[in-house]
Structure formats: C-alpha cells, structure tokens
Amino acid sequence: MRTTKGLRGMAAAVLVLAPVTLAGAQTGKGGQQNMAAVRSHVKTWPKASREAAEYMMKKYGPPAERTPTILVWGRTGPWKRTVVYNYEVQHLFPGPHTDVMQQWVNYRVPPDKFDDLASYDGSVVVNRTNGEISARCDLEAANFLALNLANEIVTGARTSEDARKKYGEQIMLFKAGKPAPYTAGLRFTPPTRGTADPDRPLME
C-alpha cells in the first residue's frame, strides 16, 4: 500500500538503531570479543547472519559487543558502526535476499530529499537528528553500493529511478565477478562531524 509522500519521508527518518551501549551486552578484554566465542555465539543464527559475522571478523576483527540478537562493531574502515542481526528481513530489491547487516556513516540529508531516498531503497535509512545514514543488506559491498547511489541522489547527480537501475547493473557485475566500482568502497568521504540536525523548537 502506498503511503503519502510525507509519511514515506517520516518513515525513512525514524527507522534507526540508536547508537549502541547496550544493556546486558557482553564485551571482551580491551573492548573486543574472542572470535571463537563469537562463532559459538552465532552458530544457531541464520546462515546469512553467520556469513556476515564471519566476513566482518575476517576483515575488521571481532566485534566490540554482543547480545543475544546482535553483534556490534564500532569504527571500522569507513563505517561509524556496524550491526549484524540474528534475524533476517526479506528484501526483494534488486532481487530476493535477506537484510542482516546494517552499516552507518555520518551524513546530512536535506529534508526535501527524504522521499527520494525512500523511493530508491527502503533499506537505506536516514536519521536526521543524529546526522547519520545507513544501509542494511547481506553484504558490505551492497551497502557500499546503496550508500554511493544515495549520495548521488542527495547531490542531484541521479534520480531515484536512475539510481535503482544503476544499482541493478552494478550488483549484477559484482555477482559475475566483474569490476563494479560502486561496490568496492565509498565514493564519497563521510564527514567526521557537523551532520547532526537538532531541528528548532516550537515553544520557547
């Protein structure tokens, strides 16, 4: 069912995971988990979640925190944080898969671009107040791709429909083992600060 333009933008703005320090979270010595313990922890998780966790550990090391439902990495590579979930969310764009890994960067999206991002990819999520944007998919490469195209929508380089077509082209190249530069890393540099938007008061 189609929502109104304003509600779509609102949904994109509020569907977020708050910055993590989690009640009941387990942290290891030096703020990191033992990799063997993490592998044991996720052994009953869905396959896509286990694969995402293993990928992250091999590339960035063990997570900083874990709970019964998530693994959390802090700043790794270009990411402000990464969360791997123990549950899958079905996503049919650009083809059927499940979303299990969400990755954030600092980014300010003008309010008039929220609807464009919502119509582009429902797994790209903006938190206006925190000044963050995230992508949730099953692969880091797909999250790079999603955010690179989101940036081009925000900067006016592409329409949301053009971005959807480009996404499909790039992911097909990636899956075929061919060069797909939008999946190789972020093509923009996220700001380190100054992206938060506390809005303005209605009452003094």
N, C-alpha and C. Protein backbone atom coordinates (compact mmCIF):
# COMPACT_ATOMS: atom_id res chain seq x y z
N MET A 1 0.84 -1.19 0.00
CA MET A 1 0.00 0.00 0.00
C MET A 1 0.87 1.24 0.00
N ARG A 2 0.57 2.21 -0.84
CA ARG A 2 1.36 3.43 -0.92
C ARG A 2 0.99 4.35 0.22
N THR A 3 1.99 4.94 0.82
CA THR A 3 1.76 5.94 1.85
C THR A 3 1.86 7.31 1.22
N THR A 4 1.48 8.35 1.98
CA THR A 4 1.63 9.69 1.45
C THR A 4 3.10 10.04 1.40
N LYS A 5 3.41 11.08 0.61
CA LYS A 5 4.80 11.49 0.44
C LYS A 5 5.43 11.85 1.77
N GLY A 6 4.69 12.57 2.60
CA GLY A 6 5.24 12.99 3.88
C GLY A 6 5.50 11.81 4.80
N LEU A 7 4.59 10.83 4.83
CA LEU A 7 4.78 9.68 5.70
C LEU A 7 5.94 8.83 5.25
N ARG A 8 6.16 8.71 3.93
CA ARG A 8 7.32 7.95 3.48
C ARG A 8 8.59 8.60 3.97
N GLY A 9 8.68 9.90 3.87
CA GLY A 9 9.87 10.59 4.35
C GLY A 9 10.03 10.42 5.84
N MET A 10 8.92 10.48 6.60
CA MET A 10 9.00 10.31 8.04
C MET A 10 9.51 8.92 8.39
N ALA A 11 9.03 7.91 7.66
CA ALA A 11 9.48 6.55 7.94
C ALA A 11 10.97 6.43 7.73
N ALA A 12 11.48 7.03 6.66
CA ALA A 12 12.91 6.97 6.41
C ALA A 12 13.68 7.65 7.51
N ALA A 13 13.07 8.65 8.14
CA ALA A 13 13.79 9.42 9.14
C ALA A 13 13.87 8.71 10.47
N VAL A 14 12.89 7.87 10.83
CA VAL A 14 12.84 7.40 12.19
C VAL A 14 13.22 5.94 12.37
N LEU A 15 13.33 5.15 11.31
CA LEU A 15 13.65 3.74 11.47
C LEU A 15 15.15 3.58 11.66
N VAL A 16 15.60 3.65 12.89
CA VAL A 16 17.02 3.64 13.17
C VAL A 16 17.30 2.79 14.39
N LEU A 17 18.55 2.35 14.49
CA LEU A 17 19.03 1.76 15.73
C LEU A 17 19.82 2.81 16.45
N ALA A 18 19.49 3.07 17.69
CA ALA A 18 20.18 4.11 18.44
C ALA A 18 21.64 3.74 18.60
N PRO A 19 22.53 4.75 18.72
CA PRO A 19 23.94 4.46 18.98
C PRO A 19 24.05 3.54 20.19
N VAL A 20 24.96 2.57 20.07
CA VAL A 20 24.90 1.47 20.99
C VAL A 20 25.82 1.63 22.18
N THR A 21 25.27 1.66 23.40
CA THR A 21 25.88 0.95 24.50
C THR A 21 24.71 0.18 25.08
N LEU A 22 24.76 -1.14 25.05
CA LEU A 22 23.58 -1.96 25.23
C LEU A 22 23.53 -2.58 26.61
N ALA A 23 22.38 -2.49 27.22
CA ALA A 23 22.19 -3.15 28.50
C ALA A 23 22.33 -4.65 28.30
N GLY A 24 23.12 -5.28 29.13
CA GLY A 24 23.31 -6.73 29.03
C GLY A 24 24.30 -7.14 27.97
N ALA A 25 24.91 -6.18 27.26
CA ALA A 25 25.87 -6.53 26.22
C ALA A 25 27.13 -7.10 26.86
N GLN A 26 27.74 -8.06 26.19
CA GLN A 26 28.99 -8.64 26.67
C GLN A 26 30.14 -8.04 25.90
N THR A 27 31.12 -7.56 26.62
CA THR A 27 32.32 -7.03 26.00
C THR A 27 33.52 -7.81 26.50
N GLY A 28 34.50 -7.97 25.61
CA GLY A 28 35.69 -8.74 25.98
C GLY A 28 36.81 -7.84 26.45
N LYS A 29 37.92 -8.46 26.77
CA LYS A 29 39.10 -7.72 27.21
C LYS A 29 39.52 -6.75 26.13
N GLY A 30 39.78 -5.51 26.54
CA GLY A 30 40.16 -4.48 25.57
C GLY A 30 39.01 -4.05 24.70
N GLY A 31 37.75 -4.39 25.11
CA GLY A 31 36.59 -3.94 24.37
C GLY A 31 36.27 -4.79 23.17
N GLN A 32 36.95 -5.95 23.01
CA GLN A 32 36.67 -6.82 21.89
C GLN A 32 36.32 -8.21 22.36
N GLN A 33 35.63 -8.93 21.51
CA GLN A 33 35.21 -10.29 21.81
C GLN A 33 36.25 -11.30 21.33
N ASN A 34 36.27 -12.46 21.96
CA ASN A 34 37.06 -13.57 21.48
C ASN A 34 36.37 -14.17 20.26
N MET A 35 37.11 -14.33 19.16
CA MET A 35 36.48 -14.76 17.90
C MET A 35 35.86 -16.15 18.02
N ALA A 36 36.52 -17.06 18.74
CA ALA A 36 35.95 -18.40 18.91
C ALA A 36 34.64 -18.32 19.68
N ALA A 37 34.60 -17.46 20.68
CA ALA A 37 33.37 -17.31 21.46
C ALA A 37 32.26 -16.71 20.60
N VAL A 38 32.62 -15.79 19.71
CA VAL A 38 31.62 -15.18 18.83
C VAL A 38 31.07 -16.22 17.87
N ARG A 39 31.95 -17.05 17.30
CA ARG A 39 31.48 -18.09 16.38
C ARG A 39 30.54 -19.05 17.09
N SER A 40 30.85 -19.40 18.32
CA SER A 40 29.95 -20.26 19.08
C SER A 40 28.62 -19.55 19.35
N HIS A 41 28.71 -18.26 19.63
CA HIS A 41 27.52 -17.46 19.95
C HIS A 41 26.53 -17.43 18.78
N VAL A 42 27.05 -17.40 17.54
CA VAL A 42 26.17 -17.22 16.38
C VAL A 42 25.86 -18.53 15.66
N LYS A 43 26.26 -19.67 16.22
CA LYS A 43 26.16 -20.92 15.47
C LYS A 43 24.73 -21.32 15.14
N THR A 44 23.76 -20.80 15.90
CA THR A 44 22.35 -21.11 15.61
C THR A 44 21.67 -19.99 14.84
N TRP A 45 22.40 -18.94 14.49
CA TRP A 45 21.81 -17.83 13.75
C TRP A 45 21.57 -18.24 12.30
N PRO A 46 20.73 -17.51 11.56
CA PRO A 46 20.53 -17.83 10.14
C PRO A 46 21.85 -17.77 9.36
N LYS A 47 21.90 -18.52 8.29
CA LYS A 47 23.13 -18.61 7.50
C LYS A 47 23.63 -17.25 7.06
N ALA A 48 22.73 -16.38 6.58
CA ALA A 48 23.17 -15.06 6.10
C ALA A 48 23.79 -14.25 7.23
N SER A 49 23.24 -14.37 8.43
CA SER A 49 23.79 -13.67 9.58
C SER A 49 25.16 -14.22 9.96
N ARG A 50 25.31 -15.53 9.96
CA ARG A 50 26.60 -16.14 10.28
C ARG A 50 27.65 -15.73 9.26
N GLU A 51 27.28 -15.71 7.98
CA GLU A 51 28.24 -15.34 6.95
C GLU A 51 28.64 -13.87 7.07
N ALA A 52 27.70 -13.01 7.40
CA ALA A 52 28.03 -11.60 7.58
C ALA A 52 28.95 -11.41 8.78
N ALA A 53 28.68 -12.13 9.86
CA ALA A 53 29.53 -12.04 11.05
C ALA A 53 30.95 -12.52 10.74
N GLU A 54 31.05 -13.63 10.03
CA GLU A 54 32.37 -14.17 9.69
C GLU A 54 33.14 -13.22 8.78
N TYR A 55 32.45 -12.64 7.81
CA TYR A 55 33.08 -11.66 6.92
C TYR A 55 33.63 -10.50 7.72
N MET A 56 32.82 -9.95 8.61
CA MET A 56 33.25 -8.80 9.40
C MET A 56 34.45 -9.15 10.28
N MET A 57 34.44 -10.33 10.89
CA MET A 57 35.56 -10.70 11.76
C MET A 57 36.84 -10.88 10.97
N LYS A 58 36.74 -11.48 9.79
CA LYS A 58 37.94 -11.69 8.98
C LYS A 58 38.52 -10.37 8.48
N LYS A 59 37.66 -9.42 8.17
CA LYS A 59 38.14 -8.14 7.63
C LYS A 59 38.50 -7.14 8.70
N TYR A 60 37.69 -7.06 9.76
CA TYR A 60 37.85 -6.00 10.75
C TYR A 60 38.15 -6.49 12.17
N GLY A 61 38.19 -7.80 12.37
CA GLY A 61 38.42 -8.31 13.70
C GLY A 61 37.11 -8.56 14.44
N PRO A 62 37.20 -9.03 15.68
CA PRO A 62 36.00 -9.37 16.43
C PRO A 62 35.17 -8.15 16.78
N PRO A 63 33.89 -8.34 17.06
CA PRO A 63 33.03 -7.21 17.42
C PRO A 63 33.38 -6.66 18.79
N ALA A 64 32.94 -5.45 19.03
CA ALA A 64 33.16 -4.82 20.33
C ALA A 64 32.15 -5.30 21.36
N GLU A 65 30.95 -5.64 20.91
CA GLU A 65 29.88 -6.06 21.83
C GLU A 65 29.03 -7.12 21.16
N ARG A 66 28.38 -7.90 22.02
CA ARG A 66 27.39 -8.85 21.51
C ARG A 66 26.27 -8.98 22.51
N THR A 67 25.09 -9.25 21.99
CA THR A 67 23.91 -9.55 22.80
C THR A 67 23.30 -10.82 22.20
N PRO A 68 22.23 -11.32 22.76
CA PRO A 68 21.60 -12.49 22.15
C PRO A 68 21.13 -12.28 20.72
N THR A 69 20.95 -11.02 20.31
CA THR A 69 20.36 -10.77 18.99
C THR A 69 21.26 -10.00 18.02
N ILE A 70 22.34 -9.39 18.48
CA ILE A 70 23.18 -8.61 17.58
C ILE A 70 24.66 -8.71 17.94
N LEU A 71 25.49 -8.45 16.92
CA LEU A 71 26.92 -8.19 17.11
C LEU A 71 27.17 -6.76 16.70
N VAL A 72 28.03 -6.06 17.43
CA VAL A 72 28.26 -4.64 17.18
C VAL A 72 29.75 -4.36 17.01
N TRP A 73 30.09 -3.72 15.91
CA TRP A 73 31.44 -3.19 15.70
C TRP A 73 31.37 -1.67 15.79
N GLY A 74 32.39 -1.05 16.34
CA GLY A 74 32.48 0.40 16.34
C GLY A 74 33.07 0.89 15.03
N ARG A 75 33.96 1.85 15.10
CA ARG A 75 34.56 2.42 13.89
C ARG A 75 35.49 1.40 13.25
N THR A 76 35.15 1.00 12.03
CA THR A 76 35.97 0.07 11.25
C THR A 76 35.94 0.55 9.81
N GLY A 77 37.10 0.65 9.18
CA GLY A 77 37.13 1.14 7.81
C GLY A 77 36.42 2.48 7.72
N PRO A 78 35.50 2.63 6.76
CA PRO A 78 34.79 3.91 6.62
C PRO A 78 33.56 4.00 7.52
N TRP A 79 33.25 2.93 8.27
CA TRP A 79 31.98 2.85 8.98
C TRP A 79 32.05 3.45 10.37
N LYS A 80 31.01 4.15 10.74
CA LYS A 80 30.86 4.65 12.10
C LYS A 80 30.51 3.50 13.04
N ARG A 81 29.66 2.60 12.62
CA ARG A 81 29.37 1.37 13.35
C ARG A 81 28.71 0.38 12.39
N THR A 82 28.75 -0.87 12.80
CA THR A 82 28.15 -1.97 12.04
C THR A 82 27.42 -2.87 13.02
N VAL A 83 26.23 -3.31 12.65
CA VAL A 83 25.47 -4.27 13.44
C VAL A 83 25.08 -5.43 12.54
N VAL A 84 25.37 -6.64 13.00
CA VAL A 84 24.87 -7.87 12.36
C VAL A 84 23.77 -8.43 13.26
N TYR A 85 22.62 -8.70 12.67
CA TYR A 85 21.44 -9.15 13.41
C TYR A 85 21.27 -10.67 13.32
N ASN A 86 20.63 -11.24 14.31
CA ASN A 86 20.39 -12.69 14.28
C ASN A 86 19.06 -13.03 13.62
N TYR A 87 18.45 -12.06 12.98
CA TYR A 87 17.21 -12.32 12.24
C TYR A 87 17.29 -11.67 10.87
N GLU A 88 16.57 -12.23 9.94
CA GLU A 88 16.60 -11.78 8.56
C GLU A 88 15.34 -10.97 8.23
N VAL A 89 15.52 -9.95 7.41
CA VAL A 89 14.40 -9.17 6.90
C VAL A 89 14.36 -9.37 5.39
N GLN A 90 13.25 -9.88 4.89
CA GLN A 90 13.15 -10.14 3.46
C GLN A 90 13.18 -8.84 2.67
N HIS A 91 13.96 -8.82 1.60
CA HIS A 91 14.08 -7.65 0.73
C HIS A 91 14.12 -8.15 -0.71
N LEU A 92 13.27 -7.63 -1.55
CA LEU A 92 13.15 -8.12 -2.92
C LEU A 92 13.88 -7.27 -3.94
N PHE A 93 14.41 -6.12 -3.52
CA PHE A 93 15.15 -5.25 -4.44
C PHE A 93 16.64 -5.41 -4.23
N PRO A 94 17.46 -5.58 -5.28
CA PRO A 94 17.08 -5.70 -6.69
C PRO A 94 16.67 -7.11 -7.07
N GLY A 95 16.90 -8.05 -6.15
CA GLY A 95 16.47 -9.43 -6.29
C GLY A 95 16.28 -9.99 -4.89
N PRO A 96 15.58 -11.11 -4.75
CA PRO A 96 15.29 -11.64 -3.41
C PRO A 96 16.55 -11.94 -2.61
N HIS A 97 16.60 -11.45 -1.40
CA HIS A 97 17.67 -11.71 -0.44
C HIS A 97 17.14 -11.32 0.93
N THR A 98 17.97 -11.46 1.95
CA THR A 98 17.58 -11.02 3.29
C THR A 98 18.60 -10.02 3.80
N ASP A 99 18.10 -9.01 4.50
CA ASP A 99 18.95 -7.98 5.10
C ASP A 99 19.33 -8.41 6.51
N VAL A 100 20.64 -8.46 6.78
CA VAL A 100 21.09 -8.88 8.11
C VAL A 100 22.19 -7.98 8.68
N MET A 101 22.78 -7.11 7.87
CA MET A 101 23.91 -6.30 8.32
C MET A 101 23.67 -4.83 7.99
N GLN A 102 23.68 -3.98 9.01
CA GLN A 102 23.43 -2.55 8.85
C GLN A 102 24.71 -1.78 9.19
N GLN A 103 25.04 -0.80 8.33
CA GLN A 103 26.28 -0.04 8.49
C GLN A 103 26.00 1.44 8.32
N TRP A 104 26.59 2.26 9.22
CA TRP A 104 26.29 3.68 9.32
C TRP A 104 27.50 4.54 9.00
N VAL A 105 27.21 5.74 8.47
CA VAL A 105 28.21 6.82 8.37
C VAL A 105 27.52 8.12 8.76
N ASN A 106 28.34 9.10 9.13
CA ASN A 106 27.81 10.45 9.33
C ASN A 106 27.39 11.04 7.99
N TYR A 107 26.23 11.66 7.96
CA TYR A 107 25.76 12.23 6.69
C TYR A 107 24.54 13.09 6.97
N ARG A 108 24.48 14.25 6.34
CA ARG A 108 23.30 15.11 6.48
C ARG A 108 22.49 15.06 5.19
N VAL A 109 21.24 14.70 5.32
CA VAL A 109 20.32 14.65 4.18
C VAL A 109 19.32 15.79 4.31
N PRO A 110 19.22 16.68 3.33
CA PRO A 110 18.19 17.72 3.38
C PRO A 110 16.80 17.09 3.46
N PRO A 111 15.90 17.65 4.25
CA PRO A 111 14.57 17.05 4.39
C PRO A 111 13.84 16.83 3.07
N ASP A 112 14.09 17.69 2.08
CA ASP A 112 13.37 17.54 0.82
C ASP A 112 13.90 16.37 -0.03
N LYS A 113 14.95 15.69 0.45
CA LYS A 113 15.48 14.51 -0.26
C LYS A 113 15.04 13.19 0.39
N PHE A 114 14.35 13.27 1.52
CA PHE A 114 13.98 12.04 2.23
C PHE A 114 13.08 11.15 1.38
N ASP A 115 12.09 11.73 0.72
CA ASP A 115 11.18 10.93 -0.09
C ASP A 115 11.90 10.29 -1.27
N ASP A 116 12.85 11.00 -1.85
CA ASP A 116 13.62 10.42 -2.96
C ASP A 116 14.39 9.20 -2.49
N LEU A 117 15.00 9.28 -1.31
CA LEU A 117 15.74 8.13 -0.79
C LEU A 117 14.80 6.99 -0.44
N ALA A 118 13.63 7.31 0.11
CA ALA A 118 12.66 6.26 0.46
C ALA A 118 12.17 5.52 -0.77
N SER A 119 11.98 6.23 -1.88
CA SER A 119 11.51 5.56 -3.09
C SER A 119 12.63 4.82 -3.81
N TYR A 120 13.87 5.17 -3.49
CA TYR A 120 15.03 4.48 -4.08
C TYR A 120 15.26 3.12 -3.46
N ASP A 121 15.36 3.05 -2.15
CA ASP A 121 15.69 1.79 -1.48
C ASP A 121 15.22 1.87 -0.04
N GLY A 122 14.28 1.01 0.32
CA GLY A 122 13.75 1.02 1.68
C GLY A 122 14.73 0.60 2.73
N SER A 123 15.86 0.03 2.35
CA SER A 123 16.88 -0.38 3.31
C SER A 123 17.97 0.67 3.50
N VAL A 124 17.80 1.82 2.88
CA VAL A 124 18.63 2.99 3.18
C VAL A 124 17.85 3.83 4.17
N VAL A 125 18.44 4.08 5.33
CA VAL A 125 17.73 4.70 6.45
C VAL A 125 18.47 5.96 6.88
N VAL A 126 17.73 7.04 7.04
CA VAL A 126 18.30 8.32 7.46
C VAL A 126 17.83 8.67 8.86
N ASN A 127 18.76 9.08 9.69
CA ASN A 127 18.42 9.66 10.99
C ASN A 127 18.83 11.13 10.94
N ARG A 128 17.87 11.99 10.73
CA ARG A 128 18.14 13.42 10.59
C ARG A 128 18.72 14.02 11.87
N THR A 129 18.16 13.66 13.02
CA THR A 129 18.61 14.25 14.27
C THR A 129 20.05 13.88 14.57
N ASN A 130 20.40 12.62 14.43
CA ASN A 130 21.78 12.18 14.67
C ASN A 130 22.72 12.59 13.56
N GLY A 131 22.19 12.87 12.37
CA GLY A 131 23.04 13.16 11.23
C GLY A 131 23.73 11.93 10.71
N GLU A 132 22.96 10.85 10.50
CA GLU A 132 23.51 9.58 10.04
C GLU A 132 22.67 9.02 8.89
N ILE A 133 23.33 8.23 8.06
CA ILE A 133 22.65 7.43 7.05
C ILE A 133 23.21 6.03 7.14
N SER A 134 22.36 5.03 6.89
CA SER A 134 22.81 3.65 6.94
C SER A 134 22.21 2.86 5.80
N ALA A 135 22.84 1.74 5.53
CA ALA A 135 22.30 0.77 4.57
C ALA A 135 22.29 -0.59 5.25
N ARG A 136 21.26 -1.36 4.95
CA ARG A 136 21.14 -2.70 5.54
C ARG A 136 20.92 -3.70 4.42
N CYS A 137 21.88 -4.64 4.30
CA CYS A 137 21.79 -5.67 3.27
C CYS A 137 22.42 -6.93 3.83
N ASP A 138 22.91 -7.81 2.97
CA ASP A 138 23.59 -9.02 3.43
C ASP A 138 25.08 -8.96 3.19
N LEU A 139 25.55 -7.96 2.45
CA LEU A 139 26.96 -7.84 2.08
C LEU A 139 27.45 -6.41 2.27
N GLU A 140 28.68 -6.26 2.69
CA GLU A 140 29.26 -4.92 2.77
C GLU A 140 29.30 -4.27 1.40
N ALA A 141 29.61 -5.04 0.36
CA ALA A 141 29.66 -4.49 -0.99
C ALA A 141 28.32 -3.87 -1.38
N ALA A 142 27.23 -4.52 -1.02
CA ALA A 142 25.91 -3.99 -1.33
C ALA A 142 25.61 -2.73 -0.52
N ASN A 143 26.12 -2.66 0.70
CA ASN A 143 25.93 -1.44 1.49
C ASN A 143 26.73 -0.28 0.91
N PHE A 144 27.96 -0.56 0.44
CA PHE A 144 28.72 0.48 -0.28
C PHE A 144 27.90 0.99 -1.46
N LEU A 145 27.39 0.06 -2.25
CA LEU A 145 26.62 0.41 -3.44
C LEU A 145 25.40 1.25 -3.08
N ALA A 146 24.66 0.81 -2.07
CA ALA A 146 23.44 1.53 -1.69
C ALA A 146 23.74 2.96 -1.26
N LEU A 147 24.79 3.15 -0.48
CA LEU A 147 25.09 4.49 0.01
C LEU A 147 25.74 5.36 -1.06
N ASN A 148 26.53 4.77 -1.94
CA ASN A 148 27.10 5.57 -3.03
C ASN A 148 26.00 6.16 -3.90
N LEU A 149 24.99 5.37 -4.19
CA LEU A 149 23.89 5.87 -5.01
C LEU A 149 23.00 6.82 -4.22
N ALA A 150 22.84 6.57 -2.93
CA ALA A 150 22.09 7.51 -2.10
C ALA A 150 22.76 8.88 -2.12
N ASN A 151 24.08 8.90 -2.03
CA ASN A 151 24.81 10.16 -2.09
C ASN A 151 24.57 10.87 -3.42
N GLU A 152 24.52 10.13 -4.50
CA GLU A 152 24.29 10.76 -5.80
C GLU A 152 22.86 11.30 -5.92
N ILE A 153 21.92 10.66 -5.26
CA ILE A 153 20.56 11.21 -5.23
C ILE A 153 20.54 12.52 -4.45
N VAL A 154 21.18 12.53 -3.30
CA VAL A 154 21.18 13.72 -2.45
C VAL A 154 21.88 14.88 -3.15
N THR A 155 22.96 14.60 -3.86
CA THR A 155 23.71 15.67 -4.53
C THR A 155 23.11 16.07 -5.87
N GLY A 156 22.06 15.37 -6.30
CA GLY A 156 21.39 15.73 -7.55
C GLY A 156 21.97 15.10 -8.79
N ALA A 157 22.92 14.18 -8.62
CA ALA A 157 23.54 13.54 -9.78
C ALA A 157 22.64 12.49 -10.42
N ARG A 158 21.71 11.93 -9.64
CA ARG A 158 20.79 10.92 -10.16
C ARG A 158 19.40 11.10 -9.57
N THR A 159 18.43 10.64 -10.31
CA THR A 159 17.08 10.50 -9.75
C THR A 159 17.00 9.16 -9.02
N SER A 160 15.97 8.99 -8.22
CA SER A 160 15.82 7.73 -7.51
C SER A 160 15.62 6.56 -8.47
N GLU A 161 14.89 6.78 -9.56
CA GLU A 161 14.67 5.71 -10.53
C GLU A 161 15.96 5.35 -11.25
N ASP A 162 16.75 6.35 -11.61
CA ASP A 162 18.04 6.09 -12.25
C ASP A 162 18.96 5.35 -11.29
N ALA A 163 18.91 5.71 -10.03
CA ALA A 163 19.75 5.03 -9.04
C ALA A 163 19.35 3.56 -8.90
N ARG A 164 18.07 3.26 -8.96
CA ARG A 164 17.63 1.86 -8.89
C ARG A 164 18.18 1.06 -10.07
N LYS A 165 18.15 1.66 -11.26
CA LYS A 165 18.68 0.96 -12.44
C LYS A 165 20.19 0.74 -12.30
N LYS A 166 20.89 1.77 -11.82
CA LYS A 166 22.33 1.66 -11.64
C LYS A 166 22.67 0.60 -10.60
N TYR A 167 21.87 0.53 -9.55
CA TYR A 167 22.08 -0.48 -8.52
C TYR A 167 22.02 -1.88 -9.15
N GLY A 168 20.98 -2.13 -9.93
CA GLY A 168 20.84 -3.43 -10.56
C GLY A 168 22.01 -3.78 -11.46
N GLU A 169 22.47 -2.79 -12.24
CA GLU A 169 23.62 -3.02 -13.13
C GLU A 169 24.87 -3.37 -12.34
N GLN A 170 25.13 -2.61 -11.29
CA GLN A 170 26.35 -2.82 -10.51
C GLN A 170 26.33 -4.14 -9.75
N ILE A 171 25.20 -4.49 -9.18
CA ILE A 171 25.16 -5.73 -8.40
C ILE A 171 25.28 -6.94 -9.30
N MET A 172 24.77 -6.86 -10.52
CA MET A 172 24.92 -7.97 -11.47
C MET A 172 26.38 -8.13 -11.87
N LEU A 173 27.08 -7.02 -12.08
CA LEU A 173 28.51 -7.09 -12.38
C LEU A 173 29.28 -7.69 -11.22
N PHE A 174 28.94 -7.25 -10.01
CA PHE A 174 29.62 -7.76 -8.81
C PHE A 174 29.44 -9.26 -8.68
N LYS A 175 28.21 -9.73 -8.84
CA LYS A 175 27.94 -11.15 -8.68
C LYS A 175 28.58 -11.99 -9.78
N ALA A 176 28.84 -11.36 -10.93
CA ALA A 176 29.52 -12.06 -12.03
C ALA A 176 31.03 -12.00 -11.90
N GLY A 177 31.53 -11.36 -10.84
CA GLY A 177 32.96 -11.26 -10.64
C GLY A 177 33.63 -10.23 -11.53
N LYS A 178 32.85 -9.31 -12.09
CA LYS A 178 33.39 -8.27 -12.97
C LYS A 178 33.55 -6.96 -12.19
N PRO A 179 34.36 -6.03 -12.69
CA PRO A 179 34.53 -4.77 -11.98
C PRO A 179 33.20 -4.04 -11.77
N ALA A 180 32.96 -3.66 -10.53
CA ALA A 180 31.74 -2.94 -10.16
C ALA A 180 32.17 -1.88 -9.14
N PRO A 181 32.67 -0.75 -9.62
CA PRO A 181 33.32 0.20 -8.72
C PRO A 181 32.46 0.73 -7.59
N TYR A 182 31.14 0.76 -7.80
CA TYR A 182 30.26 1.28 -6.74
C TYR A 182 30.18 0.32 -5.55
N THR A 183 30.63 -0.93 -5.74
CA THR A 183 30.60 -1.91 -4.65
C THR A 183 31.93 -2.04 -3.93
N ALA A 184 32.95 -1.35 -4.42
CA ALA A 184 34.31 -1.54 -3.91
C ALA A 184 34.63 -0.70 -2.68
N GLY A 185 33.83 0.30 -2.41
CA GLY A 185 34.07 1.20 -1.29
C GLY A 185 33.23 2.45 -1.46
N LEU A 186 33.26 3.29 -0.47
CA LEU A 186 32.52 4.55 -0.59
C LEU A 186 33.21 5.47 -1.58
N ARG A 187 32.41 6.09 -2.44
CA ARG A 187 32.94 7.01 -3.44
C ARG A 187 32.81 8.47 -2.97
N PHE A 188 32.50 8.64 -1.72
CA PHE A 188 32.46 9.96 -1.09
C PHE A 188 33.07 9.82 0.29
N THR A 189 33.49 10.92 0.88
CA THR A 189 34.10 10.89 2.21
C THR A 189 33.08 11.38 3.23
N PRO A 190 32.63 10.50 4.14
CA PRO A 190 31.67 10.95 5.14
C PRO A 190 32.29 11.99 6.07
N PRO A 191 31.55 13.01 6.44
CA PRO A 191 32.08 13.99 7.40
C PRO A 191 32.36 13.33 8.75
N THR A 192 33.30 13.87 9.47
CA THR A 192 33.57 13.35 10.80
C THR A 192 32.70 14.02 11.86
N ARG A 193 32.13 15.18 11.54
CA ARG A 193 31.29 15.90 12.50
C ARG A 193 30.41 16.89 11.74
N GLY A 194 29.52 17.51 12.48
CA GLY A 194 28.72 18.59 11.90
C GLY A 194 27.53 18.15 11.08
N THR A 195 27.11 16.89 11.21
CA THR A 195 25.98 16.42 10.40
C THR A 195 24.67 16.37 11.19
N ALA A 196 24.74 16.45 12.50
CA ALA A 196 23.53 16.37 13.31
C ALA A 196 22.62 17.58 13.05
N ASP A 197 21.33 17.36 13.14
CA ASP A 197 20.34 18.42 12.95
C ASP A 197 19.33 18.36 14.09
N PRO A 198 19.53 19.16 15.14
CA PRO A 198 18.61 19.11 16.28
C PRO A 198 17.27 19.75 16.02
N ASP A 199 17.06 20.30 14.82
CA ASP A 199 15.80 20.94 14.45
C ASP A 199 15.65 22.25 15.19
N ARG A 200 14.45 22.73 15.37
CA ARG A 200 14.21 24.01 16.05
C ARG A 200 12.99 23.88 16.94
N PRO A 201 12.96 24.60 18.03
CA PRO A 201 11.84 24.46 18.97
C PRO A 201 10.57 25.12 18.45
N LEU A 202 9.43 24.56 18.81
CA LEU A 202 8.15 25.18 18.55
C LEU A 202 7.74 26.10 19.69
N MET A 203 8.32 25.82 20.87
CA MET A 203 7.97 26.61 22.06
C MET A 203 9.24 27.15 22.70
N GLU A 204 9.19 28.34 23.17
CA GLU A 204 10.33 28.93 23.88
C GLU A 204 10.39 28.41 25.32
